[in-house]
């Protein structure tokens, strides 16, 4: 009799546990029009938890006939979708040190949603932040950005997603057969998905802030320029990138497209023939050709932008970008939302390994200084172009030579030319129409220094904060076991995340005085001055970062440009 009682007792216990488990699972299920999602709960270092929904398809797989096509919304899945791990990364060209490789899949258009509270119990919808990863439009993925630090703030919903890259995301024949910008159109579709679905996760579709770093920041700027994204967001954050950066716009796309065809054995001048052929090429064959085309076009990338990136499209109703960025920002013809943007104090430290393979470019610049007057500067006279080149070399190099310049001098030049100059100008132009908050991030703690020294030993003695370092303090890194080291790093991280979430929730990074920021109030940009927040070991309000160097560039454009510039 006692055995029967024990068995019955175990049965009751099992039934109770089963109900608890089922209840917990149902607690992290979200029902969308596309189907039911099964998420999970993840722990935070401070003892809190957050809700995690990953690997949600937002578009049909862009394969076969859909390669080099606008994305098509994903409709429905069967059953309950296991949304507890990210989807595959998009095909991308990886550069480790100076070696290239190709990885990823074409079926990659998935997104992730993270909420700090149970979506079913959020009473007042939370502000939403949608992240755009960087990587030169050549590489990158959403799955390496863990939102733990944002979740600790407990006041925003975070969305990350994959978009097509490189050859698959940006091939363009500059006509209707392959207009380009498929990766940008993926971004628009992801934002439309947010508008349709984010309320199910406790998010407020009327308070969506888009934010990105490097190429992701340039993408944010392009979304401000595109009619396709109008009304899809209400704030924008650009970290170390802008559409005015020379690397952010490809200006020789048709040639590169046909170069790729030739690398794969097809010689033709016909766009339809080329595109149909490239749709039929399998990924392994395409991979090596992509590497070869990138290497062949490396030298000209300083003049024409990266081999595959955003382009200005033929004007059609479905086009993402048909305007020149500088003119549009200057005239106010953009989606007007509050902006937060800035740079790291010495961006190009990140790229010191590339200096080793750039010697042919440096020698060419010395032999032909006129090449430094890029086409986008719109300087027509050869003597003027040569004068510009000579002045640039005199300004930045004691030896008056690229080939003989020190690494520190080269880093200073490329930091200004590729980042500080165009990003500062973007802030000035935008501030004529919308509130703009500018920052300079100037901190490298132990964790970031370890990463930078891994990239290049040259970084050990070089002052300034390199490209992408702020990411270590915004996102909990998944690619290393290293964590924030001590109170100083944790304080910098808390400040960054709080400034960003303040902006997302209130359109102002310092809406009230806060001891976390030493009661400093972040001033808006007020042309001609670029007021900014200096974020280092401390926090200060300052004015006109690298003022003398920026005045030098202003004088070049003012004295020699023959008309409106395309970039800056």
Protein backbone atom coordinates (compact mmCIF):
# COMPACT_ATOMS: atom_id res chain seq x y z
CA UNK A 1 0.00 0.00 0.00
CA UNK A 2 2.85 2.40 0.89
CA UNK A 3 4.47 1.73 -2.52
CA UNK A 4 1.27 2.74 -4.25
CA UNK A 5 1.16 5.93 -2.19
CA UNK A 6 4.77 6.73 -3.04
CA UNK A 7 4.17 6.20 -6.73
CA UNK A 8 1.08 8.38 -6.57
CA UNK A 9 3.08 11.05 -4.73
CA UNK A 10 5.79 10.96 -7.39
CA UNK A 11 3.12 11.30 -10.05
CA UNK A 12 1.71 14.40 -8.41
CA UNK A 13 5.22 15.85 -8.03
CA UNK A 14 5.97 15.15 -11.71
CA UNK A 15 2.69 16.74 -12.77
CA UNK A 16 3.45 19.88 -10.71
CA UNK A 17 6.95 20.16 -12.15
CA UNK A 18 5.58 19.62 -15.64
CA UNK A 19 3.08 22.42 -15.15
CA UNK A 20 5.81 24.76 -13.85
CA UNK A 21 8.08 23.99 -16.79
CA UNK A 22 5.25 24.38 -19.28
CA UNK A 23 4.24 27.62 -17.61
CA UNK A 24 7.80 28.93 -17.86
CA UNK A 25 8.01 27.95 -21.52
CA UNK A 26 4.68 29.58 -22.31
CA UNK A 27 5.92 32.66 -20.47
CA UNK A 28 8.57 33.16 -23.14
CA UNK A 29 6.36 32.42 -26.11
CA UNK A 30 5.30 35.24 -28.42
CA UNK A 31 2.51 34.88 -30.96
CA UNK A 32 3.04 36.85 -34.17
CA UNK A 33 1.10 36.78 -37.43
CA UNK A 34 3.97 34.71 -38.81
CA UNK A 35 3.63 32.10 -36.04
CA UNK A 36 4.61 31.33 -32.47
CA UNK A 37 8.14 32.02 -31.16
CA UNK A 38 9.71 30.09 -28.32
CA UNK A 39 12.28 32.26 -26.57
CA UNK A 40 14.22 31.75 -23.36
CA UNK A 41 15.41 33.61 -20.27
CA UNK A 42 19.06 34.53 -19.85
CA UNK A 43 20.92 35.57 -16.69
CA UNK A 44 22.84 38.81 -16.22
CA UNK A 45 25.99 39.21 -14.14
CA UNK A 46 24.12 41.38 -11.62
CA UNK A 47 21.56 38.67 -10.87
CA UNK A 48 18.82 40.04 -13.16
CA UNK A 49 17.50 38.18 -16.19
CA UNK A 50 16.33 39.18 -19.64
CA UNK A 51 14.20 37.64 -22.38
CA UNK A 52 15.84 36.42 -25.54
CA UNK A 53 14.28 35.76 -28.97
CA UNK A 54 16.81 34.95 -31.70
CA UNK A 55 16.90 33.61 -35.23
CA UNK A 56 13.58 35.11 -36.33
CA UNK A 57 13.28 35.14 -40.16
CA UNK A 58 12.23 38.54 -41.45
CA UNK A 59 12.73 37.84 -45.18
CA UNK A 60 12.67 34.88 -47.53
CA UNK A 61 16.12 33.35 -48.13
CA UNK A 62 17.72 35.53 -50.87
CA UNK A 63 18.91 32.57 -52.96
CA UNK A 64 18.52 31.46 -56.56
CA UNK A 65 16.40 33.96 -58.47
CA UNK A 66 16.23 36.14 -55.34
CA UNK A 67 20.00 36.68 -55.33
CA UNK A 68 20.61 40.39 -56.20
CA UNK A 69 16.92 41.14 -55.61
CA UNK A 70 14.99 43.25 -53.14
CA UNK A 71 14.13 41.24 -50.01
CA UNK A 72 10.67 39.65 -49.75
CA UNK A 73 8.98 39.53 -46.32
CA UNK A 74 8.86 36.13 -44.62
CA UNK A 75 5.23 35.12 -44.22
CA UNK A 76 4.64 32.11 -41.94
CA UNK A 77 6.37 29.16 -40.35
CA UNK A 78 4.78 25.93 -39.16
CA UNK A 79 4.48 25.03 -35.51
CA UNK A 80 6.49 26.75 -32.79
CA UNK A 81 9.75 28.32 -33.95
CA UNK A 82 12.68 27.69 -31.62
CA UNK A 83 13.99 31.25 -31.21
CA UNK A 84 16.73 30.57 -28.68
CA UNK A 85 19.81 30.81 -30.92
CA UNK A 86 20.85 33.19 -33.72
CA UNK A 87 20.45 32.49 -37.40
CA UNK A 88 23.46 31.93 -39.70
CA UNK A 89 25.78 34.78 -40.64
CA UNK A 90 25.60 36.27 -44.12
CA UNK A 91 28.30 35.48 -46.68
CA UNK A 92 31.23 37.75 -45.95
CA UNK A 93 34.84 38.44 -46.77
CA UNK A 94 36.85 38.13 -43.56
CA UNK A 95 40.18 39.86 -43.17
CA UNK A 96 42.45 38.53 -40.44
CA UNK A 97 45.63 40.58 -40.33
CA UNK A 98 46.27 40.80 -44.11
CA UNK A 99 44.73 37.48 -45.21
CA UNK A 100 41.28 37.08 -46.75
CA UNK A 101 38.78 34.24 -46.44
CA UNK A 102 35.07 33.79 -47.20
CA UNK A 103 32.52 32.45 -44.71
CA UNK A 104 28.76 32.48 -44.06
CA UNK A 105 25.54 31.51 -45.84
CA UNK A 106 23.17 33.19 -48.26
CA UNK A 107 20.15 32.18 -46.18
CA UNK A 108 20.92 34.69 -43.41
CA UNK A 109 18.15 37.27 -43.05
CA UNK A 110 17.26 36.76 -39.41
CA UNK A 111 16.81 39.13 -36.49
CA UNK A 112 16.91 39.00 -32.69
CA UNK A 113 14.85 40.77 -30.03
CA UNK A 114 15.91 41.22 -26.41
CA UNK A 115 13.65 42.55 -23.68
CA UNK A 116 14.65 43.42 -20.09
CA UNK A 117 11.29 42.26 -18.74
CA UNK A 118 8.73 39.62 -19.56
CA UNK A 119 7.02 41.00 -22.70
CA UNK A 120 3.64 39.86 -21.35
CA UNK A 121 3.97 41.99 -18.21
CA UNK A 122 5.34 45.24 -19.69
CA UNK A 123 2.60 47.78 -19.03
CA UNK A 124 4.06 50.89 -20.67
CA UNK A 125 5.78 50.15 -24.01
CA UNK A 126 9.55 50.59 -23.91
CA UNK A 127 11.73 52.55 -26.32
CA UNK A 128 13.35 50.41 -29.02
CA UNK A 129 16.96 50.48 -30.22
CA UNK A 130 17.81 48.75 -33.52
CA UNK A 131 21.51 47.96 -34.01
CA UNK A 132 23.42 48.08 -37.34
CA UNK A 133 26.78 46.31 -37.19
CA UNK A 134 29.91 47.56 -38.91
CA UNK A 135 32.48 45.79 -41.05
CA UNK A 136 33.05 47.89 -44.18
CA UNK A 137 29.85 46.46 -45.73
CA UNK A 138 32.08 43.44 -46.29
CA UNK A 139 31.78 41.52 -43.02
CA UNK A 140 29.89 41.52 -39.72
CA UNK A 141 27.00 39.81 -37.97
CA UNK A 142 24.42 40.41 -35.28
CA UNK A 143 25.28 37.37 -33.17
CA UNK A 144 28.49 38.78 -31.64
CA UNK A 145 26.65 41.67 -29.95
CA UNK A 146 25.27 40.54 -26.61
CA UNK A 147 22.91 43.17 -25.11
CA UNK A 148 23.60 42.45 -21.42
CA UNK A 149 24.72 45.99 -20.52
CA UNK A 150 21.65 47.50 -22.19
CA UNK A 151 19.37 45.01 -20.48
CA UNK A 152 20.74 46.09 -17.08
CA UNK A 153 19.33 49.57 -17.74
CA UNK A 154 15.91 47.89 -17.85
CA UNK A 155 14.28 50.52 -20.08
CA UNK A 156 14.82 49.59 -23.73
CA UNK A 157 14.09 46.76 -26.15
CA UNK A 158 17.10 45.87 -28.31
CA UNK A 159 16.84 44.53 -31.88
CA UNK A 160 19.83 43.21 -33.84
CA UNK A 161 19.73 41.65 -37.31
CA UNK A 162 21.78 40.42 -40.25
CA UNK A 163 21.86 42.14 -43.63
CA UNK A 164 23.51 41.04 -46.86
CA UNK A 165 27.13 42.03 -47.36
CA UNK A 166 29.72 42.48 -50.09
CA UNK A 167 29.05 40.86 -53.44
CA UNK A 168 25.65 39.51 -52.35
CA UNK A 169 24.49 42.72 -50.72
CA UNK A 170 25.86 45.40 -53.02
CA UNK A 171 26.65 44.12 -56.53
CA UNK A 172 25.55 46.80 -58.98
CA UNK A 173 25.60 47.13 -62.75
CA UNK A 174 24.31 50.68 -62.29
CA UNK A 175 21.15 49.90 -64.23
CA UNK A 176 17.81 48.12 -63.69
CA UNK A 177 19.29 44.62 -64.02
CA UNK A 178 21.20 44.97 -60.74
CA UNK A 179 20.73 48.43 -59.23
CA UNK A 180 22.44 47.45 -55.95
CA UNK A 181 21.87 48.30 -52.28
CA UNK A 182 20.19 44.98 -51.45
CA UNK A 183 21.82 45.06 -48.01
CA UNK A 184 20.33 48.51 -47.41
CA UNK A 185 16.92 47.28 -48.50
CA UNK A 186 17.28 44.42 -46.02
CA UNK A 187 17.65 47.10 -43.34
CA UNK A 188 14.44 48.81 -44.43
CA UNK A 189 12.55 45.52 -44.34
CA UNK A 190 13.90 44.78 -40.85
CA UNK A 191 12.66 48.20 -39.68
CA UNK A 192 9.26 47.49 -41.22
CA UNK A 193 9.20 44.19 -39.31
CA UNK A 194 9.87 46.18 -36.13
CA UNK A 195 6.95 48.51 -36.89
CA UNK A 196 4.61 45.54 -37.39
CA UNK A 197 5.72 43.33 -34.53
CA UNK A 198 7.65 45.10 -31.78
CA UNK A 199 4.53 45.79 -29.68
CA UNK A 200 4.33 42.05 -29.08
CA UNK A 201 7.68 42.30 -27.27
CA UNK A 202 6.67 45.32 -25.18
CA UNK A 203 8.32 47.81 -27.53
CA UNK A 204 6.99 51.18 -28.66
CA UNK A 205 7.00 51.46 -32.45
CA UNK A 206 6.77 55.23 -32.11
CA UNK A 207 10.08 55.41 -30.24
CA UNK A 208 12.51 53.51 -32.45
CA UNK A 209 16.14 54.68 -32.47
CA UNK A 210 18.52 53.27 -35.06
CA UNK A 211 22.19 53.08 -34.09
CA UNK A 212 25.29 51.66 -35.69
CA UNK A 213 29.07 51.75 -35.81
CA UNK A 214 31.44 52.28 -38.77
CA UNK A 215 29.63 50.93 -41.85
CA UNK A 216 26.60 50.52 -39.59
CA UNK A 217 26.80 54.24 -38.78
CA UNK A 218 27.02 55.12 -42.47
CA UNK A 219 23.98 52.89 -43.00
CA UNK A 220 22.10 54.84 -40.33
CA UNK A 221 22.97 58.04 -42.21
CA UNK A 222 21.75 56.56 -45.49
CA UNK A 223 18.48 55.59 -43.85
CA UNK A 224 18.11 59.27 -42.94
CA UNK A 225 18.46 60.04 -46.67
CA UNK A 226 16.16 57.37 -48.10
CA UNK A 227 12.49 57.87 -48.87
CA UNK A 228 12.04 54.12 -48.34
CA UNK A 229 12.72 54.45 -44.59
CA UNK A 230 10.63 57.54 -43.87
CA UNK A 231 8.63 57.17 -40.66
CA UNK A 232 10.39 53.97 -39.57
CA UNK A 233 12.54 55.56 -36.83
CA UNK A 234 12.57 58.60 -34.57
CA UNK A 235 16.22 59.00 -33.59
CA UNK A 236 19.60 58.14 -35.09
CA UNK A 237 23.04 57.38 -33.63
CA UNK A 238 26.15 57.28 -35.83
CA UNK A 239 29.33 55.90 -34.22
CA UNK A 240 32.51 56.43 -36.30
CA UNK A 241 30.79 56.59 -39.66
CA UNK A 242 28.74 58.77 -42.01
CA UNK A 243 27.54 58.75 -45.64
CA UNK A 244 30.10 61.53 -46.25
CA UNK A 245 33.01 59.15 -45.51
CA UNK A 246 34.85 58.32 -48.72
CA UNK A 247 34.77 54.58 -47.93
CA UNK A 248 30.98 54.59 -47.46
CA UNK A 249 29.97 55.09 -51.11
CA UNK A 250 31.10 52.91 -54.02
CA UNK A 251 31.72 54.99 -57.12
CA UNK A 252 32.91 52.43 -59.67
CA UNK A 253 30.37 49.66 -59.22
CA UNK A 254 29.75 48.69 -62.85
CA UNK A 255 33.44 48.08 -63.54
CA UNK A 256 33.80 45.94 -60.41
CA UNK A 257 30.71 43.90 -61.32
CA UNK A 258 32.14 43.05 -64.72
CA UNK A 259 35.58 42.43 -63.18
CA UNK A 260 33.90 39.79 -61.05
CA UNK A 261 32.30 38.22 -64.10
CA UNK A 262 35.71 38.08 -65.81
CA UNK A 263 37.25 36.50 -62.70
CA UNK A 264 34.60 33.77 -63.00
CA UNK A 265 35.27 33.20 -66.70
CA UNK A 266 32.57 35.37 -68.30
CA UNK A 267 33.56 38.14 -70.68
CA UNK A 268 30.58 40.33 -71.57
CA UNK A 269 29.39 43.92 -71.65
CA UNK A 270 25.73 42.96 -71.24
CA UNK A 271 24.20 43.51 -67.78
CA UNK A 272 21.45 40.91 -68.17
CA UNK A 273 23.93 38.24 -69.26
CA UNK A 274 26.25 39.08 -66.37
CA UNK A 275 23.56 39.09 -63.66
CA UNK A 276 21.95 35.85 -64.84
CA UNK A 277 25.36 34.20 -64.90
CA UNK A 278 26.31 35.45 -61.43
CA UNK A 279 23.01 34.14 -60.04
CA UNK A 280 24.01 30.65 -61.20
CA UNK A 281 27.51 30.61 -59.68
CA UNK A 282 27.82 28.48 -56.55
CA UNK A 283 29.25 29.94 -53.37
CA UNK A 284 32.66 28.16 -53.36
CA UNK A 285 33.45 29.43 -56.88
CA UNK A 286 32.20 32.92 -56.08
CA UNK A 287 34.29 33.05 -52.90
CA UNK A 288 37.72 32.98 -54.53
CA UNK A 289 36.63 35.42 -57.24
CA UNK A 290 35.41 37.84 -54.54
CA UNK A 291 38.83 37.70 -52.87
CA UNK A 292 40.62 38.36 -56.18
CA UNK A 293 38.37 41.30 -57.11
CA UNK A 294 38.88 42.90 -53.69
CA UNK A 295 42.65 42.60 -53.98
CA UNK A 296 42.71 43.98 -57.54
CA UNK A 297 40.60 46.99 -56.53
CA UNK A 298 42.38 47.69 -53.24
CA UNK A 299 44.57 50.49 -54.59
CA UNK A 300 41.64 52.34 -56.17
CA UNK A 301 39.42 51.95 -53.10
CA UNK A 302 40.81 55.21 -51.68
CA UNK A 303 39.42 57.03 -54.71
CA UNK A 304 36.33 54.94 -55.46
CA UNK A 305 35.25 53.44 -52.14
CA UNK A 306 35.28 49.74 -51.26
CA UNK A 307 34.70 47.25 -54.11
CA UNK A 308 31.18 46.43 -52.86
CA UNK A 309 29.17 49.00 -50.93
CA UNK A 310 26.23 51.41 -51.16
CA UNK A 311 25.70 53.11 -54.52
CA UNK A 312 23.53 55.86 -55.92
CA UNK A 313 20.85 53.99 -57.87
CA UNK A 314 18.92 54.83 -61.04
CA UNK A 315 15.79 56.76 -59.97
CA UNK A 316 12.91 54.25 -59.69
CA UNK A 317 10.08 53.87 -57.19
CA UNK A 318 11.90 51.00 -55.46
CA UNK A 319 15.31 52.68 -55.30
CA UNK A 320 16.84 53.05 -51.84
CA UNK A 321 19.28 55.90 -52.62
CA UNK A 322 19.09 58.31 -55.54
CA UNK A 323 20.57 61.50 -54.04
CA UNK A 324 24.07 62.73 -53.26
CA UNK A 325 24.57 62.77 -49.51
CA UNK A 326 26.35 66.12 -49.19
CA UNK A 327 23.72 68.03 -51.17
CA UNK A 328 20.86 66.36 -49.30
CA UNK A 329 22.32 67.07 -45.86
CA UNK A 330 23.18 70.62 -46.88
CA UNK A 331 19.67 71.36 -48.17
CA UNK A 332 17.83 69.59 -45.35
CA UNK A 333 16.37 66.96 -47.69
CA UNK A 334 16.50 64.06 -45.25
CA UNK A 335 14.38 62.33 -42.63
CA UNK A 336 14.67 64.85 -39.81
CA UNK A 337 15.18 63.18 -36.45
CA UNK A 338 17.43 63.98 -33.47
CA UNK A 339 21.00 62.71 -33.95
CA UNK A 340 23.81 61.58 -31.70
CA UNK A 341 27.14 60.96 -33.40
CA UNK A 342 30.88 61.04 -32.93
CA UNK A 343 34.33 59.55 -33.35
CA UNK A 344 37.02 57.76 -31.38
CA UNK A 345 40.09 59.87 -30.71
CA UNK A 346 42.47 58.01 -33.06
CA UNK A 347 40.32 55.86 -35.33
CA UNK A 348 42.96 54.51 -37.71
CA UNK A 349 45.03 52.80 -35.02
CA UNK A 350 42.71 49.88 -35.78
CA UNK A 351 44.05 49.64 -39.32
CA UNK A 352 47.81 49.58 -38.67
CA UNK A 353 48.17 46.04 -40.12
CA UNK A 354 46.94 47.41 -43.46
CA UNK A 355 49.80 49.91 -43.58
CA UNK A 356 52.09 47.01 -44.47
CA UNK A 357 50.18 46.28 -47.67
CA UNK A 358 49.54 49.93 -48.55
CA UNK A 359 53.09 50.84 -49.58
CA UNK A 360 52.22 50.85 -53.33
CA UNK A 361 49.49 53.40 -52.59
CA UNK A 362 51.88 55.55 -50.57
CA UNK A 363 54.52 55.51 -53.31
CA UNK A 364 51.87 56.44 -55.88
CA UNK A 365 50.76 59.38 -53.71
CA UNK A 366 54.36 60.59 -53.53
CA UNK A 367 54.95 60.27 -57.27
CA UNK A 368 51.58 61.82 -58.11
CA UNK A 369 50.45 64.16 -55.29
CA UNK A 370 47.46 65.21 -57.38
CA UNK A 371 45.92 61.81 -56.57
CA UNK A 372 45.29 63.08 -53.02
CA UNK A 373 42.74 65.55 -54.42
CA UNK A 374 40.02 62.91 -54.63
CA UNK A 375 37.42 63.11 -57.36
CA UNK A 376 34.67 63.80 -54.84
CA UNK A 377 36.40 67.09 -53.93
CA UNK A 378 35.47 68.41 -57.39
CA UNK A 379 38.82 70.07 -58.16
CA UNK A 380 39.21 70.34 -61.93
CA UNK A 381 42.53 72.10 -62.39
CA UNK A 382 45.56 69.77 -62.38
CA UNK A 383 47.83 72.35 -60.76
CA UNK A 384 45.29 72.83 -57.99
CA UNK A 385 45.05 69.09 -57.42
CA UNK A 386 48.82 68.83 -57.20
CA UNK A 387 48.93 71.79 -54.81
CA UNK A 388 46.37 70.07 -52.58
CA UNK A 389 48.50 66.92 -52.49
CA UNK A 390 51.63 68.86 -51.56
CA UNK A 391 49.84 70.75 -48.80
CA UNK A 392 48.44 67.53 -47.32
CA UNK A 393 51.89 65.94 -47.18
CA UNK A 394 53.39 69.06 -45.63
CA UNK A 395 50.63 69.20 -43.04
CA UNK A 396 50.85 65.61 -41.84
CA UNK A 397 54.39 64.33 -42.53
CA UNK A 398 57.70 65.76 -41.36
CA UNK A 399 59.41 63.96 -44.25
CA UNK A 400 56.89 65.41 -46.74
CA UNK A 401 56.47 61.83 -47.93
CA UNK A 402 53.91 59.07 -47.47
CA UNK A 403 56.45 56.31 -48.04
CA UNK A 404 58.78 57.71 -45.37
CA UNK A 405 56.13 58.78 -42.86
CA UNK A 406 56.04 57.26 -39.40
CA UNK A 407 53.18 54.93 -38.46
CA UNK A 408 51.89 57.54 -36.01
CA UNK A 409 51.81 60.20 -38.76
CA UNK A 410 49.98 57.87 -41.14
CA UNK A 411 47.44 56.96 -38.46
CA UNK A 412 46.83 60.66 -37.76
CA UNK A 413 46.29 61.41 -41.44
CA UNK A 414 43.96 58.50 -42.13
CA UNK A 415 42.01 59.13 -38.92
CA UNK A 416 41.30 62.68 -40.06
CA UNK A 417 40.77 61.93 -43.75
CA UNK A 418 38.55 58.86 -43.38
CA UNK A 419 36.68 59.69 -40.17
CA UNK A 420 37.04 62.98 -38.27
CA UNK A 421 36.77 65.29 -41.29
CA UNK A 422 33.62 63.80 -42.90
CA UNK A 423 31.89 62.98 -39.62
CA UNK A 424 32.44 66.47 -38.18
CA UNK A 425 31.14 68.01 -41.42
CA UNK A 426 28.07 65.77 -41.26
CA UNK A 427 27.35 67.01 -37.74
CA UNK A 428 27.63 70.63 -38.88
CA UNK A 429 25.29 70.13 -41.84
CA UNK A 430 22.67 68.17 -39.89
CA UNK A 431 22.67 70.62 -36.97
CA UNK A 432 21.17 73.30 -39.21
CA UNK A 433 17.93 71.29 -39.19
CA UNK A 434 17.88 68.88 -36.21
CA UNK A 435 19.40 68.60 -32.72
CA UNK A 436 22.86 67.00 -32.98
CA UNK A 437 24.88 65.72 -30.04
CA UNK A 438 28.56 65.07 -30.87
CA UNK A 439 31.01 62.99 -28.81
CA UNK A 440 34.68 61.98 -28.82
CA UNK A 441 35.39 58.63 -27.17
CA UNK A 442 38.89 58.62 -25.72
CA UNK A 443 39.28 55.59 -23.46
CA UNK A 444 41.16 52.32 -23.78
CA UNK A 445 40.95 50.23 -20.64
CA UNK A 446 42.74 46.92 -20.03
CA UNK A 447 40.19 44.87 -21.97
CA UNK A 448 40.32 47.04 -25.09
CA UNK A 449 44.12 47.33 -24.95
CA UNK A 450 44.41 43.55 -24.99
CA UNK A 451 42.27 43.46 -28.14
CA UNK A 452 44.16 46.25 -29.88
CA UNK A 453 47.54 44.72 -29.08
CA UNK A 454 46.28 41.47 -30.57
CA UNK A 455 45.51 43.32 -33.80
CA UNK A 456 48.93 44.95 -33.94
CA UNK A 457 51.90 45.31 -31.62
CA UNK A 458 52.36 48.82 -33.10
CA UNK A 459 49.43 49.98 -30.99
CA UNK A 460 51.20 49.63 -27.65
CA UNK A 461 52.92 53.01 -27.69
CA UNK A 462 50.50 54.91 -29.91
CA UNK A 463 48.22 57.38 -28.16
CA UNK A 464 44.49 57.67 -28.77
CA UNK A 465 41.50 55.35 -28.93
CA UNK A 466 41.12 53.17 -31.99
CA UNK A 467 38.15 52.44 -34.21
CA UNK A 468 35.50 50.16 -32.64
CA UNK A 469 36.95 50.22 -29.11
CA UNK A 470 33.75 51.69 -27.63
CA UNK A 471 31.95 48.49 -28.63
CA UNK A 472 33.77 46.62 -25.86
CA UNK A 473 32.04 48.86 -23.34
CA UNK A 474 28.57 48.81 -24.92
CA UNK A 475 28.17 45.13 -25.74
CA UNK A 476 29.25 42.20 -23.60
CA UNK A 477 31.82 40.49 -25.84
CA UNK A 478 30.98 36.91 -26.78
CA UNK A 479 34.26 36.24 -28.60
CA UNK A 480 36.41 36.31 -25.45
CA UNK A 481 36.19 35.29 -21.80
CA UNK A 482 37.67 38.64 -20.80
CA UNK A 483 35.33 40.92 -18.89
CA UNK A 484 35.25 44.54 -17.71
CA UNK A 485 38.22 44.91 -15.39
CA UNK A 486 37.61 46.94 -12.25
CA UNK A 487 35.55 49.97 -11.34
CA UNK A 488 36.98 52.32 -13.99
CA UNK A 489 36.04 50.15 -16.96
CA UNK A 490 32.66 49.42 -15.45
CA UNK A 491 32.05 53.15 -14.93
CA UNK A 492 32.92 53.96 -18.56
CA UNK A 493 30.57 51.19 -19.71
CA UNK A 494 27.73 52.42 -17.47
CA UNK A 495 28.17 55.97 -18.77
CA UNK A 496 28.14 54.95 -22.42
CA UNK A 497 25.08 52.75 -22.12
CA UNK A 498 23.16 55.30 -20.02
CA UNK A 499 23.92 58.13 -22.48
CA UNK A 500 22.73 55.98 -25.38
CA UNK A 501 19.56 54.79 -23.65
CA UNK A 502 18.78 58.32 -22.44
CA UNK A 503 18.91 59.44 -26.05
CA UNK A 504 16.68 56.56 -27.15
CA UNK A 505 14.10 57.20 -24.44
CA UNK A 506 14.13 61.02 -24.31
CA UNK A 507 15.93 62.23 -27.49
CA UNK A 508 18.56 63.79 -25.24
CA UNK A 509 21.60 62.00 -23.76
CA UNK A 510 21.60 64.22 -20.63
CA UNK A 511 17.97 65.24 -20.09
CA UNK A 512 18.71 66.05 -16.43
CA UNK A 513 21.85 66.55 -14.39
CA UNK A 514 23.20 63.21 -13.26
CA UNK A 515 26.09 62.44 -10.90
CA UNK A 516 27.03 59.55 -13.21
CA UNK A 517 28.10 62.22 -15.72
CA UNK A 518 29.49 64.60 -13.05
CA UNK A 519 26.33 66.70 -13.59
CA UNK A 520 27.64 67.72 -17.02
CA UNK A 521 25.08 68.66 -19.66
CA UNK A 522 25.87 67.56 -23.22
CA UNK A 523 25.61 70.64 -25.47
CA UNK A 524 24.17 70.50 -28.97
CA UNK A 525 26.32 71.26 -32.01
CA UNK A 526 26.00 74.95 -32.86
CA UNK A 527 27.68 75.80 -36.22
CA UNK A 528 30.31 76.77 -36.96
CA UNK A 529 31.39 75.24 -33.64
CA UNK A 530 31.16 71.51 -33.06
CA UNK A 531 30.52 71.30 -29.32
CA UNK A 532 31.09 67.80 -27.99
CA UNK A 533 31.15 65.49 -25.00
CA UNK A 534 34.61 64.10 -24.29
CA UNK A 535 34.18 60.59 -22.89
CA UNK A 536 37.38 59.23 -21.37
CA UNK A 537 38.31 58.35 -17.82
CA UNK A 538 36.19 61.38 -17.02
CA UNK A 539 33.59 63.42 -18.87
CA UNK A 540 33.93 67.00 -20.10
CA UNK A 541 32.21 69.38 -22.49
CA UNK A 542 34.61 70.61 -25.16
CA UNK A 543 34.58 72.37 -28.51
CA UNK A 544 35.94 71.68 -32.02
CA UNK A 545 37.86 68.38 -31.89
CA UNK A 546 41.17 68.61 -33.83
CA UNK A 547 40.29 72.21 -34.66
CA UNK A 548 43.49 73.14 -36.55
CA UNK A 549 43.40 70.05 -38.73
CA UNK A 550 39.72 70.60 -39.52
CA UNK A 551 40.40 74.26 -40.41
CA UNK A 552 43.14 73.02 -42.75
CA UNK A 553 40.68 70.79 -44.62
CA UNK A 554 38.04 73.51 -44.71
CA UNK A 555 40.55 75.81 -46.39
CA UNK A 556 41.38 73.18 -49.02
CA UNK A 557 37.75 72.69 -49.94
CA UNK A 558 37.01 76.41 -49.76
CA UNK A 559 39.98 77.51 -51.89
CA UNK A 560 40.13 74.76 -54.51
CA UNK A 561 36.76 73.03 -54.95
CA UNK A 562 35.04 73.97 -58.22
CA UNK A 563 31.53 73.26 -57.00
CA UNK A 564 29.44 71.05 -54.74
CA UNK A 565 31.32 68.06 -53.36
CA UNK A 566 29.89 64.55 -53.39
CA UNK A 567 31.56 63.49 -50.13
CA UNK A 568 33.83 65.25 -47.67
